[in-house]
Amino acid sequence: MVTEALPHKPDIVHVRKETGVIRESLGYRSFRVVNAICLVLICAATLYPFVNLIAKAFSSEGYIAAGEVNLIPRGFNIDTFRAVLGDGLFWTNYGNTFLYTVIGTIIAMAITTTYAYALSKPHLKGRSFFVGIAVFTMFFGGGLIPNYILIANYLDWRNSLWAVVVPGALSVFNLLVMKSFFENFPTELEEAAAIDGLSTYGIFLRIVLPLSKAVLATMTLFYAVGLWNSWFSAFLFMDDKSLFPVTIYLRNLIAAATGTQEITGGGEAVQIASNIQAVTMLLSVLPIICLYPFIQRYFVSGVMLGSVKG
């Protein structure tokens, strides 16, 4: 039986002349097997800490302290969940986190998309200057004390959501990725829309954004995850517990449980202190885990579209 290698992929596939059936070469099949094994091992290494986290969240203190908890909970325990979920302040702070994340993501996406779209136009006057300003902030900043004075004293944003959502509203990395994506956007579509009578804002809102779902979903995920996990700004600028995000609530819970353990040396406080970290991390990441599958298909394509310039 005669086979002939394809000229453009001589080491990957072969084509049978009689049937035209493509047959993978031995080397390529070996590569696929090794690649699959490596991917399975990477997935297992990635999932193991999370499964272990879930197991510890539902295990009792004695088994955790003895190092006997691996992938399956030992001494099933939900006391920590009851302590956290039964507190009304927890749900108030959880709602604050949703509010800060939604508002902050909307503000960040509005700034990033409009700024990136403007910078993507070569005819923009002062384009290099505005790009330089953005890049400059990646390497130089005012520092903690000047930022605190600006936000707390001059802007008077203490105990305000603006102190959480505004300072980090623009990520220069996201800006540059989106700028590169808009630079690769087909200019013929914009020119056709302009001929049809759309203004610059109309082209941006009705043509560009609807065709940029991949990169928009990716940037939305980046901003949402960052805001959801953010705690330091609230820690600095908020004194009212009813305004805290859930990350501050969980941090204070860990500190309180640990402090009580050191004072009392036993009882329910020891039980809560031993697995409080697992429970709090699980409660913190759960909403993001639920959100990710809906936009995962946009994730890789969005980053690649915005990071490779044709």
C-alpha atoms as a PDB file:
ATOM      1  CA  MET A   1       0.000   0.000   0.000  1.00  0.00           C
ATOM      2  CA  VAL A   2       1.468   3.317  -1.078  1.00  0.00           C
ATOM      3  CA  THR A   3       1.242   6.505   0.934  1.00  0.00           C
ATOM      4  CA  GLU A   4       2.407   9.982   0.143  1.00  0.00           C
ATOM      5  CA  ALA A   5       3.245  12.668   2.700  1.00  0.00           C
ATOM      6  CA  LEU A   6       1.530  16.009   2.394  1.00  0.00           C
ATOM      7  CA  PRO A   7       4.082  18.630   1.331  1.00  0.00           C
ATOM      8  CA  HIS A   8       3.019  21.192   3.945  1.00  0.00           C
ATOM      9  CA  LYS A   9       2.767  18.736   6.903  1.00  0.00           C
ATOM     10  CA  PRO A  10       5.212  15.890   6.177  1.00  0.00           C
ATOM     11  CA  ASP A  11       5.599  14.779   9.825  1.00  0.00           C
ATOM     12  CA  ILE A  12       1.955  14.918  10.879  1.00  0.00           C
ATOM     13  CA  VAL A  13      -0.316  13.144   8.394  1.00  0.00           C
ATOM     14  CA  HIS A  14      -0.129  10.901   5.361  1.00  0.00           C
ATOM     15  CA  VAL A  15      -2.676  10.508   2.544  1.00  0.00           C
ATOM     16  CA  ARG A  16      -3.460   7.196   0.924  1.00  0.00           C
ATOM     17  CA  LYS A  17      -3.561   7.620  -2.843  1.00  0.00           C
ATOM     18  CA  GLU A  18      -6.221   4.973  -3.453  1.00  0.00           C
ATOM     19  CA  THR A  19      -8.747   6.179  -0.908  1.00  0.00           C
ATOM     20  CA  GLY A  20      -7.667   9.735  -0.145  1.00  0.00           C
ATOM     21  CA  VAL A  21      -7.987   8.970   3.593  1.00  0.00           C
ATOM     22  CA  ILE A  22      -5.752  11.031   5.845  1.00  0.00           C
ATOM     23  CA  ARG A  23      -3.766   8.904   8.313  1.00  0.00           C
ATOM     24  CA  GLU A  24      -1.833  10.432  11.178  1.00  0.00           C
ATOM     25  CA  SER A  25       1.841   9.614  11.391  1.00  0.00           C
ATOM     26  CA  LEU A  26       3.231   7.615  14.298  1.00  0.00           C
ATOM     27  CA  GLY A  27       5.112  10.626  15.614  1.00  0.00           C
ATOM     28  CA  TYR A  28       2.012  12.792  15.627  1.00  0.00           C
ATOM     29  CA  ARG A  29      -0.049  10.111  17.372  1.00  0.00           C
ATOM     30  CA  SER A  30       2.666   9.796  20.003  1.00  0.00           C
ATOM     31  CA  PHE A  31       2.647  13.551  20.458  1.00  0.00           C
ATOM     32  CA  ARG A  32      -1.126  13.558  20.990  1.00  0.00           C
ATOM     33  CA  VAL A  33      -0.893  10.828  23.630  1.00  0.00           C
ATOM     34  CA  VAL A  34       1.882  12.590  25.515  1.00  0.00           C
ATOM     35  CA  ASN A  35       0.049  15.907  25.218  1.00  0.00           C
ATOM     36  CA  ALA A  36      -3.166  14.366  26.591  1.00  0.00           C
ATOM     37  CA  ILE A  37      -1.313  12.817  29.520  1.00  0.00           C
ATOM     38  CA  CYS A  38       0.359  16.138  30.343  1.00  0.00           C
ATOM     39  CA  LEU A  39      -2.970  17.996  30.188  1.00  0.00           C
ATOM     40  CA  VAL A  40      -4.628  15.447  32.488  1.00  0.00           C
ATOM     41  CA  LEU A  41      -1.788  15.799  34.999  1.00  0.00           C
ATOM     42  CA  ILE A  42      -1.998  19.596  34.861  1.00  0.00           C
ATOM     43  CA  CYS A  43      -5.770  19.498  35.378  1.00  0.00           C
ATOM     44  CA  ALA A  44      -5.361  17.120  38.323  1.00  0.00           C
ATOM     45  CA  ALA A  45      -2.705  19.352  39.885  1.00  0.00           C
ATOM     46  CA  THR A  46      -4.994  22.356  39.400  1.00  0.00           C
ATOM     47  CA  LEU A  47      -8.127  20.713  40.795  1.00  0.00           C
ATOM     48  CA  TYR A  48      -6.482  19.018  43.771  1.00  0.00           C
ATOM     49  CA  PRO A  49      -6.090  22.170  45.939  1.00  0.00           C
ATOM     50  CA  PHE A  50      -9.701  23.167  45.312  1.00  0.00           C
ATOM     51  CA  VAL A  51     -11.070  19.704  46.119  1.00  0.00           C
ATOM     52  CA  ASN A  52      -8.893  19.655  49.232  1.00  0.00           C
ATOM     53  CA  LEU A  53     -10.293  23.069  50.168  1.00  0.00           C
ATOM     54  CA  ILE A  54     -13.864  21.753  49.916  1.00  0.00           C
ATOM     55  CA  ALA A  55     -12.953  18.719  51.993  1.00  0.00           C
ATOM     56  CA  LYS A  56     -11.462  20.865  54.755  1.00  0.00           C
ATOM     57  CA  ALA A  57     -14.459  23.188  54.723  1.00  0.00           C
ATOM     58  CA  PHE A  58     -16.716  20.278  55.709  1.00  0.00           C
ATOM     59  CA  SER A  59     -14.298  18.495  58.072  1.00  0.00           C
ATOM     60  CA  SER A  60     -13.915  18.730  61.821  1.00  0.00           C
ATOM     61  CA  GLU A  61     -10.989  20.364  63.554  1.00  0.00           C
ATOM     62  CA  GLY A  62      -9.450  17.176  64.909  1.00  0.00           C
ATOM     63  CA  TYR A  63      -9.018  15.521  61.519  1.00  0.00           C
ATOM     64  CA  ILE A  64      -7.658  18.741  59.970  1.00  0.00           C
ATOM     65  CA  ALA A  65      -5.140  19.221  62.790  1.00  0.00           C
ATOM     66  CA  ALA A  66      -4.029  15.600  62.415  1.00  0.00           C
ATOM     67  CA  GLY A  67      -3.519  16.074  58.679  1.00  0.00           C
ATOM     68  CA  GLU A  68      -5.992  13.320  57.818  1.00  0.00           C
ATOM     69  CA  VAL A  69      -8.141  15.370  55.430  1.00  0.00           C
ATOM     70  CA  ASN A  70      -7.233  14.932  51.790  1.00  0.00           C
ATOM     71  CA  LEU A  71      -9.981  14.710  49.143  1.00  0.00           C
ATOM     72  CA  ILE A  72     -12.860  13.455  51.278  1.00  0.00           C
ATOM     73  CA  PRO A  73     -14.273  15.310  54.329  1.00  0.00           C
ATOM     74  CA  ARG A  74     -13.628  13.632  57.692  1.00  0.00           C
ATOM     75  CA  GLY A  75     -15.857  14.177  60.672  1.00  0.00           C
ATOM     76  CA  PHE A  76     -18.535  16.020  58.704  1.00  0.00           C
ATOM     77  CA  ASN A  77     -18.919  19.524  60.140  1.00  0.00           C
ATOM     78  CA  ILE A  78     -20.991  22.522  59.048  1.00  0.00           C
ATOM     79  CA  ASP A  79     -20.643  24.601  62.228  1.00  0.00           C
ATOM     80  CA  THR A  80     -18.555  27.195  60.440  1.00  0.00           C
ATOM     81  CA  PHE A  81     -21.065  27.505  57.611  1.00  0.00           C
ATOM     82  CA  ARG A  82     -23.830  27.942  60.175  1.00  0.00           C
ATOM     83  CA  ALA A  83     -21.844  30.623  61.994  1.00  0.00           C
ATOM     84  CA  VAL A  84     -21.174  32.553  58.798  1.00  0.00           C
ATOM     85  CA  LEU A  85     -24.427  32.090  56.899  1.00  0.00           C
ATOM     86  CA  GLY A  86     -26.533  32.690  59.992  1.00  0.00           C
ATOM     87  CA  ASP A  87     -25.133  36.188  60.475  1.00  0.00           C
ATOM     88  CA  GLY A  88     -27.227  38.943  58.864  1.00  0.00           C
ATOM     89  CA  LEU A  89     -24.146  41.139  58.480  1.00  0.00           C
ATOM     90  CA  PHE A  90     -22.639  38.504  56.199  1.00  0.00           C
ATOM     91  CA  TRP A  91     -25.519  38.835  53.732  1.00  0.00           C
ATOM     92  CA  THR A  92     -25.362  42.635  53.942  1.00  0.00           C
ATOM     93  CA  ASN A  93     -21.669  42.585  53.112  1.00  0.00           C
ATOM     94  CA  TYR A  94     -22.253  40.012  50.381  1.00  0.00           C
ATOM     95  CA  GLY A  95     -24.792  42.331  48.801  1.00  0.00           C
ATOM     96  CA  ASN A  96     -22.274  45.182  49.049  1.00  0.00           C
ATOM     97  CA  THR A  97     -19.744  43.090  47.176  1.00  0.00           C
ATOM     98  CA  PHE A  98     -22.226  42.425  44.367  1.00  0.00           C
ATOM     99  CA  LEU A  99     -23.038  46.133  44.221  1.00  0.00           C
ATOM    100  CA  TYR A 100     -19.402  47.225  44.167  1.00  0.00           C
ATOM    101  CA  THR A 101     -18.534  44.594  41.559  1.00  0.00           C
ATOM    102  CA  VAL A 102     -21.409  45.472  39.211  1.00  0.00           C
ATOM    103  CA  ILE A 103     -21.000  49.253  39.455  1.00  0.00           C
ATOM    104  CA  GLY A 104     -17.216  49.077  39.333  1.00  0.00           C
ATOM    105  CA  THR A 105     -17.222  46.781  36.304  1.00  0.00           C
ATOM    106  CA  ILE A 106     -19.657  49.023  34.431  1.00  0.00           C
ATOM    107  CA  ILE A 107     -17.535  52.111  35.144  1.00  0.00           C
ATOM    108  CA  ALA A 108     -14.300  50.314  34.269  1.00  0.00           C
ATOM    109  CA  MET A 109     -15.659  48.925  31.001  1.00  0.00           C
ATOM    110  CA  ALA A 110     -17.093  52.297  29.985  1.00  0.00           C
ATOM    111  CA  ILE A 111     -13.740  54.019  30.558  1.00  0.00           C
ATOM    112  CA  THR A 112     -11.633  51.252  29.034  1.00  0.00           C
ATOM    113  CA  THR A 113     -13.689  50.765  25.862  1.00  0.00           C
ATOM    114  CA  THR A 114     -14.018  54.460  25.037  1.00  0.00           C
ATOM    115  CA  TYR A 115     -10.384  55.234  25.847  1.00  0.00           C
ATOM    116  CA  ALA A 116      -9.117  52.221  23.865  1.00  0.00           C
ATOM    117  CA  TYR A 117     -11.330  52.980  20.865  1.00  0.00           C
ATOM    118  CA  ALA A 118     -10.084  56.563  20.729  1.00  0.00           C
ATOM    119  CA  LEU A 119      -6.452  55.479  21.013  1.00  0.00           C
ATOM    120  CA  SER A 120      -6.919  52.931  18.224  1.00  0.00           C
ATOM    121  CA  LYS A 121      -7.441  55.718  15.670  1.00  0.00           C
ATOM    122  CA  PRO A 122      -4.162  56.807  14.025  1.00  0.00           C
ATOM    123  CA  HIS A 123      -5.613  60.215  13.118  1.00  0.00           C
ATOM    124  CA  LEU A 124      -6.298  61.117  16.770  1.00  0.00           C
ATOM    125  CA  LYS A 125      -4.374  64.282  17.652  1.00  0.00           C
ATOM    126  CA  GLY A 126      -2.066  63.743  20.611  1.00  0.00           C
ATOM    127  CA  ARG A 127      -2.468  59.968  20.379  1.00  0.00           C
ATOM    128  CA  SER A 128       1.106  59.275  21.463  1.00  0.00           C
ATOM    129  CA  PHE A 129       0.708  61.619  24.424  1.00  0.00           C
ATOM    130  CA  PHE A 130      -2.407  59.874  25.710  1.00  0.00           C
ATOM    131  CA  VAL A 131      -0.840  56.442  25.224  1.00  0.00           C
ATOM    132  CA  GLY A 132       2.238  57.649  27.086  1.00  0.00           C
ATOM    133  CA  ILE A 133       0.156  58.890  30.022  1.00  0.00           C
ATOM    134  CA  ALA A 134      -1.498  55.494  30.341  1.00  0.00           C
ATOM    135  CA  VAL A 135       1.767  53.557  30.101  1.00  0.00           C
ATOM    136  CA  PHE A 136       3.454  55.911  32.577  1.00  0.00           C
ATOM    137  CA  THR A 137       1.004  54.910  35.302  1.00  0.00           C
ATOM    138  CA  MET A 138       2.036  51.263  34.906  1.00  0.00           C
ATOM    139  CA  PHE A 139       5.490  52.056  36.290  1.00  0.00           C
ATOM    140  CA  PHE A 140       5.010  55.110  38.498  1.00  0.00           C
ATOM    141  CA  GLY A 141       2.415  55.953  41.149  1.00  0.00           C
ATOM    142  CA  GLY A 142       1.886  58.474  43.904  1.00  0.00           C
ATOM    143  CA  GLY A 143       2.108  55.903  46.671  1.00  0.00           C
ATOM    144  CA  LEU A 144      -0.196  54.912  49.495  1.00  0.00           C
ATOM    145  CA  ILE A 145      -0.128  58.110  51.567  1.00  0.00           C
ATOM    146  CA  PRO A 146      -0.806  60.574  48.695  1.00  0.00           C
ATOM    147  CA  ASN A 147      -3.629  58.335  47.443  1.00  0.00           C
ATOM    148  CA  TYR A 148      -5.128  58.170  50.916  1.00  0.00           C
ATOM    149  CA  ILE A 149      -4.986  61.946  51.328  1.00  0.00           C
ATOM    150  CA  LEU A 150      -6.518  62.482  47.891  1.00  0.00           C
ATOM    151  CA  ILE A 151      -9.404  60.069  48.385  1.00  0.00           C
ATOM    152  CA  ALA A 152     -10.132  60.625  52.070  1.00  0.00           C
ATOM    153  CA  ASN A 153      -9.490  64.365  52.431  1.00  0.00           C
ATOM    154  CA  TYR A 154      -9.761  66.107  49.084  1.00  0.00           C
ATOM    155  CA  LEU A 155     -12.438  63.932  47.476  1.00  0.00           C
ATOM    156  CA  ASP A 156     -14.113  63.099  50.820  1.00  0.00           C
ATOM    157  CA  TRP A 157     -14.925  59.554  49.768  1.00  0.00           C
ATOM    158  CA  ARG A 158     -14.617  57.885  53.154  1.00  0.00           C
ATOM    159  CA  ASN A 159     -17.410  55.349  53.720  1.00  0.00           C
ATOM    160  CA  SER A 160     -18.387  55.633  50.068  1.00  0.00           C
ATOM    161  CA  LEU A 161     -18.485  53.052  47.305  1.00  0.00           C
ATOM    162  CA  TRP A 162     -16.561  55.470  45.075  1.00  0.00           C
ATOM    163  CA  ALA A 163     -13.448  54.853  47.162  1.00  0.00           C
ATOM    164  CA  VAL A 164     -13.662  51.197  46.134  1.00  0.00           C
ATOM    165  CA  VAL A 165     -14.697  51.372  42.475  1.00  0.00           C
ATOM    166  CA  VAL A 166     -13.052  54.533  41.102  1.00  0.00           C
ATOM    167  CA  PRO A 167      -9.300  54.304  41.976  1.00  0.00           C
ATOM    168  CA  GLY A 168      -8.886  51.014  40.090  1.00  0.00           C
ATOM    169  CA  ALA A 169     -11.387  51.760  37.347  1.00  0.00           C
ATOM    170  CA  LEU A 170      -8.781  51.633  34.569  1.00  0.00           C
ATOM    171  CA  SER A 171      -6.328  48.795  34.063  1.00  0.00           C
ATOM    172  CA  VAL A 172      -3.650  49.855  31.601  1.00  0.00           C
ATOM    173  CA  PHE A 173      -3.023  46.240  30.627  1.00  0.00           C
ATOM    174  CA  ASN A 174      -6.684  45.781  29.703  1.00  0.00           C
ATOM    175  CA  LEU A 175      -6.608  49.123  27.910  1.00  0.00           C
ATOM    176  CA  LEU A 176      -3.675  48.127  25.709  1.00  0.00           C
ATOM    177  CA  VAL A 177      -5.190  44.726  24.909  1.00  0.00           C
ATOM    178  CA  MET A 178      -8.477  46.320  23.878  1.00  0.00           C
ATOM    179  CA  LYS A 179      -6.687  49.055  21.930  1.00  0.00           C
ATOM    180  CA  SER A 180      -4.861  46.398  19.913  1.00  0.00           C
ATOM    181  CA  PHE A 181      -8.161  44.617  19.272  1.00  0.00           C
ATOM    182  CA  PHE A 182      -9.828  47.796  17.974  1.00  0.00           C
ATOM    183  CA  GLU A 183      -6.821  48.500  15.748  1.00  0.00           C
ATOM    184  CA  ASN A 184      -7.474  45.165  14.006  1.00  0.00           C
ATOM    185  CA  PHE A 185     -11.171  45.901  13.566  1.00  0.00           C
ATOM    186  CA  PRO A 186     -12.174  46.039   9.850  1.00  0.00           C
ATOM    187  CA  THR A 187     -12.246  49.678   8.833  1.00  0.00           C
ATOM    188  CA  GLU A 188     -14.580  48.836   5.932  1.00  0.00           C
ATOM    189  CA  LEU A 189     -17.431  48.229   8.368  1.00  0.00           C
ATOM    190  CA  GLU A 190     -16.939  51.612  10.008  1.00  0.00           C
ATOM    191  CA  GLU A 191     -16.682  53.374   6.654  1.00  0.00           C
ATOM    192  CA  ALA A 192     -19.886  51.708   5.431  1.00  0.00           C
ATOM    193  CA  ALA A 193     -21.689  52.730   8.618  1.00  0.00           C
ATOM    194  CA  ALA A 194     -20.437  56.302   8.224  1.00  0.00           C
ATOM    195  CA  ILE A 195     -21.749  56.394   4.653  1.00  0.00           C
ATOM    196  CA  ASP A 196     -25.128  55.241   5.988  1.00  0.00           C
ATOM    197  CA  GLY A 197     -25.178  58.279   8.259  1.00  0.00           C
ATOM    198  CA  LEU A 198     -24.022  56.931  11.627  1.00  0.00           C
ATOM    199  CA  SER A 199     -21.995  59.268  13.821  1.00  0.00           C
ATOM    200  CA  THR A 200     -18.796  58.237  15.580  1.00  0.00           C
ATOM    201  CA  TYR A 201     -20.766  57.341  18.698  1.00  0.00           C
ATOM    202  CA  GLY A 202     -23.305  55.421  16.625  1.00  0.00           C
ATOM    203  CA  ILE A 203     -20.569  53.425  14.911  1.00  0.00           C
ATOM    204  CA  PHE A 204     -18.975  52.639  18.264  1.00  0.00           C
ATOM    205  CA  LEU A 205     -22.207  51.611  20.008  1.00  0.00           C
ATOM    206  CA  ARG A 206     -24.061  49.899  17.154  1.00  0.00           C
ATOM    207  CA  ILE A 207     -21.249  48.412  15.053  1.00  0.00           C
ATOM    208  CA  VAL A 208     -18.011  48.040  17.008  1.00  0.00           C
ATOM    209  CA  LEU A 209     -19.221  46.903  20.427  1.00  0.00           C
ATOM    210  CA  PRO A 210     -21.691  44.238  19.190  1.00  0.00           C
ATOM    211  CA  LEU A 211     -18.882  42.685  17.127  1.00  0.00           C
ATOM    212  CA  SER A 212     -16.428  42.757  20.039  1.00  0.00           C
ATOM    213  CA  LYS A 213     -18.174  40.346  22.390  1.00  0.00           C
ATOM    214  CA  ALA A 214     -15.109  38.149  22.878  1.00  0.00           C
ATOM    215  CA  VAL A 215     -12.764  40.845  24.120  1.00  0.00           C
ATOM    216  CA  LEU A 216     -15.550  42.600  26.071  1.00  0.00           C
ATOM    217  CA  ALA A 217     -16.431  39.388  27.917  1.00  0.00           C
ATOM    218  CA  THR A 218     -12.766  38.792  28.717  1.00  0.00           C
ATOM    219  CA  MET A 219     -12.193  42.293  30.058  1.00  0.00           C
ATOM    220  CA  THR A 220     -15.443  42.112  32.031  1.00  0.00           C
ATOM    221  CA  LEU A 221     -14.220  38.936  33.690  1.00  0.00           C
ATOM    222  CA  PHE A 222     -10.864  40.524  34.546  1.00  0.00           C
ATOM    223  CA  TYR A 223     -12.469  43.566  36.140  1.00  0.00           C
ATOM    224  CA  ALA A 224     -15.205  41.620  37.923  1.00  0.00           C
ATOM    225  CA  VAL A 225     -12.772  39.156  39.506  1.00  0.00           C
ATOM    226  CA  GLY A 226     -10.493  41.971  40.624  1.00  0.00           C
ATOM    227  CA  LEU A 227     -13.330  43.931  42.218  1.00  0.00           C
ATOM    228  CA  TRP A 228     -14.853  40.841  43.813  1.00  0.00           C
ATOM    229  CA  ASN A 229     -11.566  39.982  45.527  1.00  0.00           C
ATOM    230  CA  SER A 230     -10.700  43.585  46.398  1.00  0.00           C
ATOM    231  CA  TRP A 231     -10.512  44.379  50.106  1.00  0.00           C
ATOM    232  CA  PHE A 232      -7.670  46.815  50.729  1.00  0.00           C
ATOM    233  CA  SER A 233      -9.482  49.957  49.544  1.00  0.00           C
ATOM    234  CA  ALA A 234     -12.472  49.174  51.745  1.00  0.00           C
ATOM    235  CA  PHE A 235     -10.130  48.393  54.625  1.00  0.00           C
ATOM    236  CA  LEU A 236      -8.540  51.834  54.279  1.00  0.00           C
ATOM    237  CA  PHE A 237     -11.522  54.056  53.594  1.00  0.00           C
ATOM    238  CA  MET A 238     -14.492  52.445  55.360  1.00  0.00           C
ATOM    239  CA  ASP A 239     -15.363  52.415  59.063  1.00  0.00           C
ATOM    240  CA  ASP A 240     -19.043  51.444  58.829  1.00  0.00           C
ATOM    241  CA  LYS A 241     -19.412  47.652  59.001  1.00  0.00           C
ATOM    242  CA  SER A 242     -22.635  47.780  57.022  1.00  0.00           C
ATOM    243  CA  LEU A 243     -20.652  49.104  54.036  1.00  0.00           C
ATOM    244  CA  PHE A 244     -17.904  46.475  54.103  1.00  0.00           C
ATOM    245  CA  PRO A 245     -17.529  44.032  51.203  1.00  0.00           C
ATOM    246  CA  VAL A 246     -17.695  40.370  52.105  1.00  0.00           C
ATOM    247  CA  THR A 247     -13.909  40.042  51.881  1.00  0.00           C
ATOM    248  CA  ILE A 248     -13.509  42.387  54.873  1.00  0.00           C
ATOM    249  CA  TYR A 249     -16.201  40.501  56.775  1.00  0.00           C
ATOM    250  CA  LEU A 250     -14.422  37.192  56.204  1.00  0.00           C
ATOM    251  CA  ARG A 251     -11.063  38.684  57.108  1.00  0.00           C
ATOM    252  CA  ASN A 252     -12.455  39.981  60.388  1.00  0.00           C
ATOM    253  CA  LEU A 253     -14.072  36.599  61.037  1.00  0.00           C
ATOM    254  CA  ILE A 254     -10.741  34.825  60.646  1.00  0.00           C
ATOM    255  CA  ALA A 255      -9.036  37.328  62.960  1.00  0.00           C
ATOM    256  CA  ALA A 256     -11.794  37.025  65.574  1.00  0.00           C
ATOM    257  CA  ALA A 257     -11.828  33.223  65.483  1.00  0.00           C
ATOM    258  CA  THR A 258      -8.045  33.038  65.759  1.00  0.00           C
ATOM    259  CA  GLY A 259      -7.998  35.515  68.628  1.00  0.00           C
ATOM    260  CA  THR A 260     -10.718  33.641  70.501  1.00  0.00           C
ATOM    261  CA  GLN A 261      -8.838  30.385  70.032  1.00  0.00           C
ATOM    262  CA  GLU A 262      -5.704  31.897  71.556  1.00  0.00           C
ATOM    263  CA  ILE A 263      -7.668  33.168  74.549  1.00  0.00           C
ATOM    264  CA  THR A 264      -9.982  30.215  75.267  1.00  0.00           C
ATOM    265  CA  GLY A 265      -7.843  27.407  73.898  1.00  0.00           C
ATOM    266  CA  GLY A 266     -10.746  25.128  72.945  1.00  0.00           C
ATOM    267  CA  GLY A 267     -14.440  24.621  72.272  1.00  0.00           C
ATOM    268  CA  GLU A 268     -16.383  25.779  69.249  1.00  0.00           C
ATOM    269  CA  ALA A 269     -13.955  28.641  68.655  1.00  0.00           C
ATOM    270  CA  VAL A 270     -11.165  26.140  68.008  1.00  0.00           C
ATOM    271  CA  GLN A 271     -13.425  24.237  65.615  1.00  0.00           C
ATOM    272  CA  ILE A 272     -14.254  27.389  63.644  1.00  0.00           C
ATOM    273  CA  ALA A 273     -10.676  28.689  63.665  1.00  0.00           C
ATOM    274  CA  SER A 274      -9.243  25.450  62.236  1.00  0.00           C
ATOM    275  CA  ASN A 275     -11.315  25.401  59.032  1.00  0.00           C
ATOM    276  CA  ILE A 276     -12.428  29.030  58.768  1.00  0.00           C
ATOM    277  CA  GLN A 277      -9.936  29.719  55.989  1.00  0.00           C
ATOM    278  CA  ALA A 278     -11.304  26.886  53.864  1.00  0.00           C
ATOM    279  CA  VAL A 279     -14.897  27.997  54.406  1.00  0.00           C
ATOM    280  CA  THR A 280     -14.194  31.665  53.682  1.00  0.00           C
ATOM    281  CA  MET A 281     -12.207  30.930  50.526  1.00  0.00           C
ATOM    282  CA  LEU A 282     -14.958  28.636  49.300  1.00  0.00           C
ATOM    283  CA  LEU A 283     -17.661  31.237  49.910  1.00  0.00           C
ATOM    284  CA  SER A 284     -15.542  33.913  48.230  1.00  0.00           C
ATOM    285  CA  VAL A 285     -14.781  32.065  45.002  1.00  0.00           C
ATOM    286  CA  LEU A 286     -18.155  30.371  44.554  1.00  0.00           C
ATOM    287  CA  PRO A 287     -19.882  33.217  42.608  1.00  0.00           C
ATOM    288  CA  ILE A 288     -16.928  33.606  40.239  1.00  0.00           C
ATOM    289  CA  ILE A 289     -16.851  29.856  39.634  1.00  0.00           C
ATOM    290  CA  CYS A 290     -20.555  29.969  38.774  1.00  0.00           C
ATOM    291  CA  LEU A 291     -20.013  32.927  36.427  1.00  0.00           C
ATOM    292  CA  TYR A 292     -16.960  31.628  34.598  1.00  0.00           C
ATOM    293  CA  PRO A 293     -18.599  28.818  32.545  1.00  0.00           C
ATOM    294  CA  PHE A 294     -20.922  31.314  30.855  1.00  0.00           C
ATOM    295  CA  ILE A 295     -18.075  33.413  29.471  1.00  0.00           C
ATOM    296  CA  GLN A 296     -15.304  30.823  29.269  1.00  0.00           C
ATOM    297  CA  ARG A 297     -15.799  30.381  25.523  1.00  0.00           C
ATOM    298  CA  TYR A 298     -14.954  34.052  25.011  1.00  0.00           C
ATOM    299  CA  PHE A 299     -11.946  34.023  27.304  1.00  0.00           C
ATOM    300  CA  VAL A 300      -9.118  32.599  25.174  1.00  0.00           C
ATOM    301  CA  SER A 301     -10.339  34.079  21.898  1.00  0.00           C
ATOM    302  CA  GLY A 302     -10.777  37.516  23.502  1.00  0.00           C
ATOM    303  CA  VAL A 303      -7.242  37.651  24.842  1.00  0.00           C
ATOM    304  CA  MET A 304      -5.704  36.329  21.622  1.00  0.00           C
ATOM    305  CA  LEU A 305      -7.696  38.706  19.418  1.00  0.00           C
ATOM    306  CA  GLY A 306      -6.569  41.647  21.486  1.00  0.00           C
ATOM    307  CA  SER A 307      -2.943  40.627  21.922  1.00  0.00           C
ATOM    308  CA  VAL A 308      -1.924  39.780  18.345  1.00  0.00           C
ATOM    309  CA  LYS A 309      -1.747  42.617  15.866  1.00  0.00           C
ATOM    310  CA  GLY A 310      -2.140  41.712  12.237  1.00  0.00           C
END
